[in-house]
Each structure stands twice: as C-alpha cells, then as structure tokens.
Amino acid sequence: AVHSRATAPADEVIDVSALKVLATGCSTAA
C-alpha cells in the first residue's frame, strides 16, 4: 500500500509487485 491519498473513485493505492492473469474473464455487468 502506498501511503498517499487515492484519487476518486479509488479508496487505496497499491504499488504492484506480483501479478497473475486468471483463467476467467471480465464481466462488463459486474
């Protein structure tokens, strides 16, 4: 977590260190 105020609509800021793409996709409705 980055200790700086997030810009709306975000609640928090994260400096990403690791990322994994998941098999299921995104739903525009969700």
ModelCIF file with pLDDT and N, C-alpha, C, O atoms, coordinates in Angstrom:
data_MODEL
#
_entry.id   MODEL 
#
_entity.id                         1 
_entity.type                       polymer 
_entity.pdbx_number_of_molecules   1 
#
_entity_poly.entity_id                      1 
_entity_poly.type                           'polypeptide(L)' 
_entity_poly.nstd_linkage                   no 
_entity_poly.nstd_monomer                   no 
_entity_poly.pdbx_seq_one_letter_code       AVHSRATAPADEVIDVSALKVLATGCSTAA 
_entity_poly.pdbx_seq_one_letter_code_can   AVHSRATAPADEVIDVSALKVLATGCSTAA 
_entity_poly.pdbx_strand_id                 A 
#
loop_
_entity_poly_seq.entity_id 
_entity_poly_seq.num 
_entity_poly_seq.mon_id 
_entity_poly_seq.hetero 
1 1  ALA n 
1 2  VAL n 
1 3  HIS n 
1 4  SER n 
1 5  ARG n 
1 6  ALA n 
1 7  THR n 
1 8  ALA n 
1 9  PRO n 
1 10 ALA n 
1 11 ASP n 
1 12 GLU n 
1 13 VAL n 
1 14 ILE n 
1 15 ASP n 
1 16 VAL n 
1 17 SER n 
1 18 ALA n 
1 19 LEU n 
1 20 LYS n 
1 21 VAL n 
1 22 LEU n 
1 23 ALA n 
1 24 THR n 
1 25 GLY n 
1 26 CYS n 
1 27 SER n 
1 28 THR n 
1 29 ALA n 
1 30 ALA n 
#
_struct_asym.id          A 
_struct_asym.entity_id   1 
#
loop_
_ma_qa_metric.id 
_ma_qa_metric.mode 
_ma_qa_metric.name 
_ma_qa_metric.software_group_id 
_ma_qa_metric.type 
1 global pLDDT . pLDDT 
2 local  pLDDT . pLDDT 
#
_ma_qa_metric_global.metric_id      1 
_ma_qa_metric_global.metric_value   80.70 
_ma_qa_metric_global.model_id       1 
_ma_qa_metric_global.ordinal_id     1 
#
loop_
_ma_qa_metric_local.label_asym_id 
_ma_qa_metric_local.label_comp_id 
_ma_qa_metric_local.label_seq_id 
_ma_qa_metric_local.metric_id 
_ma_qa_metric_local.metric_value 
_ma_qa_metric_local.model_id 
_ma_qa_metric_local.ordinal_id 
A ALA 1  2 88.00 1 1  
A VAL 2  2 87.00 1 2  
A HIS 3  2 75.00 1 3  
A SER 4  2 69.00 1 4  
A ARG 5  2 74.00 1 5  
A ALA 6  2 75.00 1 6  
A THR 7  2 79.00 1 7  
A ALA 8  2 79.00 1 8  
A PRO 9  2 84.00 1 9  
A ALA 10 2 89.00 1 10 
A ASP 11 2 89.00 1 11 
A GLU 12 2 90.00 1 12 
A VAL 13 2 93.00 1 13 
A ILE 14 2 94.00 1 14 
A ASP 15 2 94.00 1 15 
A VAL 16 2 95.00 1 16 
A SER 17 2 94.00 1 17 
A ALA 18 2 94.00 1 18 
A LEU 19 2 94.00 1 19 
A LYS 20 2 94.00 1 20 
A VAL 21 2 94.00 1 21 
A LEU 22 2 92.00 1 22 
A ALA 23 2 80.00 1 23 
A THR 24 2 76.00 1 24 
A GLY 25 2 73.00 1 25 
A CYS 26 2 83.00 1 26 
A SER 27 2 64.00 1 27 
A THR 28 2 49.00 1 28 
A ALA 29 2 39.00 1 29 
A ALA 30 2 41.00 1 30 
#
loop_
_atom_site.group_PDB 
_atom_site.id 
_atom_site.type_symbol 
_atom_site.label_atom_id 
_atom_site.label_alt_id 
_atom_site.label_comp_id 
_atom_site.label_asym_id 
_atom_site.label_entity_id 
_atom_site.label_seq_id 
_atom_site.pdbx_PDB_ins_code 
_atom_site.Cartn_x 
_atom_site.Cartn_y 
_atom_site.Cartn_z 
_atom_site.occupancy 
_atom_site.B_iso_or_equiv 
_atom_site.pdbx_formal_charge 
_atom_site.auth_seq_id 
_atom_site.auth_comp_id 
_atom_site.auth_asym_id 
_atom_site.auth_atom_id 
_atom_site.pdbx_PDB_model_num 
ATOM 1   N N  . ALA A 1 1  ? 0.842   -1.198  0.000   1.00 88.00 ? 1  ALA A N  1 
ATOM 2   C CA . ALA A 1 1  ? 0.000   0.000   0.000   1.00 88.00 ? 1  ALA A CA 1 
ATOM 3   C C  . ALA A 1 1  ? 0.871   1.240   0.000   1.00 88.00 ? 1  ALA A C  1 
ATOM 4   O O  . ALA A 1 1  ? 1.872   1.311   0.713   1.00 88.00 ? 1  ALA A O  1 
ATOM 5   N N  . VAL A 1 2  ? 0.483   2.214   -0.803  1.00 87.00 ? 2  VAL A N  1 
ATOM 6   C CA . VAL A 1 2  ? 1.202   3.482   -0.890  1.00 87.00 ? 2  VAL A CA 1 
ATOM 7   C C  . VAL A 1 2  ? 0.501   4.480   0.026   1.00 87.00 ? 2  VAL A C  1 
ATOM 8   O O  . VAL A 1 2  ? -0.705  4.699   -0.080  1.00 87.00 ? 2  VAL A O  1 
ATOM 9   N N  . HIS A 1 3  ? 1.272   5.077   0.922   1.00 75.00 ? 3  HIS A N  1 
ATOM 10  C CA . HIS A 1 3  ? 0.679   5.980   1.900   1.00 75.00 ? 3  HIS A CA 1 
ATOM 11  C C  . HIS A 1 3  ? 0.495   7.380   1.303   1.00 75.00 ? 3  HIS A C  1 
ATOM 12  O O  . HIS A 1 3  ? 1.140   8.348   1.705   1.00 75.00 ? 3  HIS A O  1 
ATOM 13  N N  . SER A 1 4  ? -0.393  7.437   0.347   1.00 69.00 ? 4  SER A N  1 
ATOM 14  C CA . SER A 1 4  ? -0.771  8.721   -0.249  1.00 69.00 ? 4  SER A CA 1 
ATOM 15  C C  . SER A 1 4  ? -2.260  8.662   -0.564  1.00 69.00 ? 4  SER A C  1 
ATOM 16  O O  . SER A 1 4  ? -2.813  7.586   -0.793  1.00 69.00 ? 4  SER A O  1 
ATOM 17  N N  . ARG A 1 5  ? -2.890  9.802   -0.573  1.00 74.00 ? 5  ARG A N  1 
ATOM 18  C CA . ARG A 1 5  ? -4.333  9.841   -0.784  1.00 74.00 ? 5  ARG A CA 1 
ATOM 19  C C  . ARG A 1 5  ? -4.688  9.395   -2.195  1.00 74.00 ? 5  ARG A C  1 
ATOM 20  O O  . ARG A 1 5  ? -4.145  9.904   -3.175  1.00 74.00 ? 5  ARG A O  1 
ATOM 21  N N  . ALA A 1 6  ? -5.603  8.441   -2.284  1.00 75.00 ? 6  ALA A N  1 
ATOM 22  C CA . ALA A 1 6  ? -6.044  7.948   -3.591  1.00 75.00 ? 6  ALA A CA 1 
ATOM 23  C C  . ALA A 1 6  ? -6.980  8.954   -4.235  1.00 75.00 ? 6  ALA A C  1 
ATOM 24  O O  . ALA A 1 6  ? -7.666  9.713   -3.550  1.00 75.00 ? 6  ALA A O  1 
ATOM 25  N N  . THR A 1 7  ? -7.000  8.952   -5.556  1.00 79.00 ? 7  THR A N  1 
ATOM 26  C CA . THR A 1 7  ? -7.884  9.833   -6.321  1.00 79.00 ? 7  THR A CA 1 
ATOM 27  C C  . THR A 1 7  ? -9.192  9.099   -6.598  1.00 79.00 ? 7  THR A C  1 
ATOM 28  O O  . THR A 1 7  ? -9.177  7.943   -7.021  1.00 79.00 ? 7  THR A O  1 
ATOM 29  N N  . ALA A 1 8  ? -10.328 9.767   -6.361  1.00 79.00 ? 8  ALA A N  1 
ATOM 30  C CA . ALA A 1 8  ? -11.636 9.156   -6.598  1.00 79.00 ? 8  ALA A CA 1 
ATOM 31  C C  . ALA A 1 8  ? -11.696 8.601   -8.017  1.00 79.00 ? 8  ALA A C  1 
ATOM 32  O O  . ALA A 1 8  ? -11.189 9.238   -8.940  1.00 79.00 ? 8  ALA A O  1 
ATOM 33  N N  . PRO A 1 9  ? -12.308 7.423   -8.216  1.00 84.00 ? 9  PRO A N  1 
ATOM 34  C CA . PRO A 1 9  ? -13.110 6.681   -7.234  1.00 84.00 ? 9  PRO A CA 1 
ATOM 35  C C  . PRO A 1 9  ? -12.325 5.700   -6.385  1.00 84.00 ? 9  PRO A C  1 
ATOM 36  O O  . PRO A 1 9  ? -12.935 4.918   -5.657  1.00 84.00 ? 9  PRO A O  1 
ATOM 37  N N  . ALA A 1 10 ? -10.998 5.703   -6.444  1.00 89.00 ? 10 ALA A N  1 
ATOM 38  C CA . ALA A 1 10 ? -10.196 4.718   -5.721  1.00 89.00 ? 10 ALA A CA 1 
ATOM 39  C C  . ALA A 1 10 ? -10.206 4.994   -4.217  1.00 89.00 ? 10 ALA A C  1 
ATOM 40  O O  . ALA A 1 10 ? -10.286 6.141   -3.778  1.00 89.00 ? 10 ALA A O  1 
ATOM 41  N N  . ASP A 1 11 ? -10.121 3.915   -3.441  1.00 89.00 ? 11 ASP A N  1 
ATOM 42  C CA . ASP A 1 11 ? -10.065 4.003   -1.982  1.00 89.00 ? 11 ASP A CA 1 
ATOM 43  C C  . ASP A 1 11 ? -8.640  3.886   -1.462  1.00 89.00 ? 11 ASP A C  1 
ATOM 44  O O  . ASP A 1 11 ? -8.330  4.380   -0.379  1.00 89.00 ? 11 ASP A O  1 
ATOM 45  N N  . GLU A 1 12 ? -7.774  3.235   -2.231  1.00 90.00 ? 12 GLU A N  1 
ATOM 46  C CA . GLU A 1 12 ? -6.416  2.972   -1.781  1.00 90.00 ? 12 GLU A CA 1 
ATOM 47  C C  . GLU A 1 12 ? -5.507  2.841   -2.997  1.00 90.00 ? 12 GLU A C  1 
ATOM 48  O O  . GLU A 1 12 ? -5.972  2.557   -4.101  1.00 90.00 ? 12 GLU A O  1 
ATOM 49  N N  . VAL A 1 13 ? -4.213  3.049   -2.791  1.00 93.00 ? 13 VAL A N  1 
ATOM 50  C CA . VAL A 1 13 ? -3.214  2.924   -3.850  1.00 93.00 ? 13 VAL A CA 1 
ATOM 51  C C  . VAL A 1 13 ? -2.282  1.768   -3.508  1.00 93.00 ? 13 VAL A C  1 
ATOM 52  O O  . VAL A 1 13 ? -1.790  1.673   -2.384  1.00 93.00 ? 13 VAL A O  1 
ATOM 53  N N  . ILE A 1 14 ? -2.040  0.889   -4.479  1.00 94.00 ? 14 ILE A N  1 
ATOM 54  C CA . ILE A 1 14 ? -1.125  -0.237  -4.282  1.00 94.00 ? 14 ILE A CA 1 
ATOM 55  C C  . ILE A 1 14 ? -0.026  -0.196  -5.334  1.00 94.00 ? 14 ILE A C  1 
ATOM 56  O O  . ILE A 1 14 ? -0.296  -0.048  -6.526  1.00 94.00 ? 14 ILE A O  1 
ATOM 57  N N  . ASP A 1 15 ? 1.208   -0.328  -4.882  1.00 94.00 ? 15 ASP A N  1 
ATOM 58  C CA . ASP A 1 15 ? 2.365   -0.463  -5.763  1.00 94.00 ? 15 ASP A CA 1 
ATOM 59  C C  . ASP A 1 15 ? 2.524   -1.954  -6.055  1.00 94.00 ? 15 ASP A C  1 
ATOM 60  O O  . ASP A 1 15 ? 2.950   -2.711  -5.183  1.00 94.00 ? 15 ASP A O  1 
ATOM 61  N N  . VAL A 1 16 ? 2.190   -2.376  -7.251  1.00 95.00 ? 16 VAL A N  1 
ATOM 62  C CA . VAL A 1 16 ? 2.103   -3.794  -7.599  1.00 95.00 ? 16 VAL A CA 1 
ATOM 63  C C  . VAL A 1 16 ? 3.492   -4.422  -7.667  1.00 95.00 ? 16 VAL A C  1 
ATOM 64  O O  . VAL A 1 16 ? 4.399   -3.888  -8.305  1.00 95.00 ? 16 VAL A O  1 
ATOM 65  N N  . SER A 1 17 ? 3.644   -5.565  -6.998  1.00 94.00 ? 17 SER A N  1 
ATOM 66  C CA . SER A 1 17 ? 4.918   -6.299  -7.029  1.00 94.00 ? 17 SER A CA 1 
ATOM 67  C C  . SER A 1 17 ? 4.792   -7.647  -7.722  1.00 94.00 ? 17 SER A C  1 
ATOM 68  O O  . SER A 1 17 ? 5.784   -8.167  -8.234  1.00 94.00 ? 17 SER A O  1 
ATOM 69  N N  . ALA A 1 18 ? 3.588   -8.228  -7.749  1.00 94.00 ? 18 ALA A N  1 
ATOM 70  C CA . ALA A 1 18 ? 3.368   -9.522  -8.403  1.00 94.00 ? 18 ALA A CA 1 
ATOM 71  C C  . ALA A 1 18 ? 1.966   -9.549  -8.976  1.00 94.00 ? 18 ALA A C  1 
ATOM 72  O O  . ALA A 1 18 ? 1.030   -9.022  -8.375  1.00 94.00 ? 18 ALA A O  1 
ATOM 73  N N  . LEU A 1 19 ? 1.823   -10.170 -10.153 1.00 94.00 ? 19 LEU A N  1 
ATOM 74  C CA . LEU A 1 19 ? 0.533   -10.191 -10.837 1.00 94.00 ? 19 LEU A CA 1 
ATOM 75  C C  . LEU A 1 19 ? 0.354   -11.516 -11.559 1.00 94.00 ? 19 LEU A C  1 
ATOM 76  O O  . LEU A 1 19 ? 1.296   -12.037 -12.156 1.00 94.00 ? 19 LEU A O  1 
ATOM 77  N N  . LYS A 1 20 ? -0.867  -12.064 -11.502 1.00 94.00 ? 20 LYS A N  1 
ATOM 78  C CA . LYS A 1 20 ? -1.192  -13.303 -12.190 1.00 94.00 ? 20 LYS A CA 1 
ATOM 79  C C  . LYS A 1 20 ? -2.506  -13.127 -12.942 1.00 94.00 ? 20 LYS A C  1 
ATOM 80  O O  . LYS A 1 20 ? -3.513  -12.744 -12.346 1.00 94.00 ? 20 LYS A O  1 
ATOM 81  N N  . VAL A 1 21 ? -2.507  -13.400 -14.233 1.00 94.00 ? 21 VAL A N  1 
ATOM 82  C CA . VAL A 1 21 ? -3.737  -13.343 -15.030 1.00 94.00 ? 21 VAL A CA 1 
ATOM 83  C C  . VAL A 1 21 ? -4.534  -14.609 -14.765 1.00 94.00 ? 21 VAL A C  1 
ATOM 84  O O  . VAL A 1 21 ? -3.991  -15.713 -14.819 1.00 94.00 ? 21 VAL A O  1 
ATOM 85  N N  . LEU A 1 22 ? -5.831  -14.450 -14.477 1.00 92.00 ? 22 LEU A N  1 
ATOM 86  C CA . LEU A 1 22 ? -6.688  -15.581 -14.155 1.00 92.00 ? 22 LEU A CA 1 
ATOM 87  C C  . LEU A 1 22 ? -7.410  -16.094 -15.393 1.00 92.00 ? 22 LEU A C  1 
ATOM 88  O O  . LEU A 1 22 ? -7.586  -15.373 -16.375 1.00 92.00 ? 22 LEU A O  1 
ATOM 89  N N  . ALA A 1 23 ? -7.818  -17.346 -15.325 1.00 80.00 ? 23 ALA A N  1 
ATOM 90  C CA . ALA A 1 23 ? -8.404  -18.002 -16.495 1.00 80.00 ? 23 ALA A CA 1 
ATOM 91  C C  . ALA A 1 23 ? -9.738  -17.391 -16.886 1.00 80.00 ? 23 ALA A C  1 
ATOM 92  O O  . ALA A 1 23 ? -10.034 -17.254 -18.073 1.00 80.00 ? 23 ALA A O  1 
ATOM 93  N N  . THR A 1 24 ? -10.552 -17.022 -15.892 1.00 76.00 ? 24 THR A N  1 
ATOM 94  C CA . THR A 1 24 ? -11.862 -16.452 -16.197 1.00 76.00 ? 24 THR A CA 1 
ATOM 95  C C  . THR A 1 24 ? -11.725 -14.990 -16.572 1.00 76.00 ? 24 THR A C  1 
ATOM 96  O O  . THR A 1 24 ? -10.831 -14.294 -16.089 1.00 76.00 ? 24 THR A O  1 
ATOM 97  N N  . GLY A 1 25 ? -12.621 -14.528 -17.440 1.00 73.00 ? 25 GLY A N  1 
ATOM 98  C CA . GLY A 1 25 ? -12.519 -13.164 -17.936 1.00 73.00 ? 25 GLY A CA 1 
ATOM 99  C C  . GLY A 1 25 ? -13.329 -12.177 -17.135 1.00 73.00 ? 25 GLY A C  1 
ATOM 100 O O  . GLY A 1 25 ? -13.815 -12.489 -16.048 1.00 73.00 ? 25 GLY A O  1 
ATOM 101 N N  . CYS A 1 26 ? -13.473 -10.975 -17.681 1.00 83.00 ? 26 CYS A N  1 
ATOM 102 C CA . CYS A 1 26 ? -14.171 -9.893  -17.014 1.00 83.00 ? 26 CYS A CA 1 
ATOM 103 C C  . CYS A 1 26 ? -15.611 -9.798  -17.503 1.00 83.00 ? 26 CYS A C  1 
ATOM 104 O O  . CYS A 1 26 ? -15.895 -10.033 -18.677 1.00 83.00 ? 26 CYS A O  1 
ATOM 105 N N  . SER A 1 27 ? -16.486 -9.462  -16.620 1.00 64.00 ? 27 SER A N  1 
ATOM 106 C CA . SER A 1 27 ? -17.885 -9.235  -16.960 1.00 64.00 ? 27 SER A CA 1 
ATOM 107 C C  . SER A 1 27 ? -18.151 -7.746  -16.904 1.00 64.00 ? 27 SER A C  1 
ATOM 108 O O  . SER A 1 27 ? -17.930 -7.111  -15.873 1.00 64.00 ? 27 SER A O  1 
ATOM 109 N N  . THR A 1 28 ? -18.624 -7.184  -18.007 1.00 49.00 ? 28 THR A N  1 
ATOM 110 C CA . THR A 1 28 ? -18.914 -5.746  -18.016 1.00 49.00 ? 28 THR A CA 1 
ATOM 111 C C  . THR A 1 28 ? -20.031 -5.418  -17.051 1.00 49.00 ? 28 THR A C  1 
ATOM 112 O O  . THR A 1 28 ? -20.044 -4.333  -16.470 1.00 49.00 ? 28 THR A O  1 
ATOM 113 N N  . ALA A 1 29 ? -20.974 -6.339  -16.867 1.00 39.00 ? 29 ALA A N  1 
ATOM 114 C CA . ALA A 1 29 ? -22.069 -6.097  -15.929 1.00 39.00 ? 29 ALA A CA 1 
ATOM 115 C C  . ALA A 1 29 ? -21.548 -6.040  -14.504 1.00 39.00 ? 29 ALA A C  1 
ATOM 116 O O  . ALA A 1 29 ? -21.951 -5.189  -13.711 1.00 39.00 ? 29 ALA A O  1 
ATOM 117 N N  . ALA A 1 30 ? -20.631 -6.974  -14.189 1.00 41.00 ? 30 ALA A N  1 
ATOM 118 C CA . ALA A 1 30 ? -20.055 -6.980  -12.843 1.00 41.00 ? 30 ALA A CA 1 
ATOM 119 C C  . ALA A 1 30 ? -19.238 -5.736  -12.597 1.00 41.00 ? 30 ALA A C  1 
ATOM 120 O O  . ALA A 1 30 ? -18.677 -5.571  -11.514 1.00 41.00 ? 30 ALA A O  1 
#
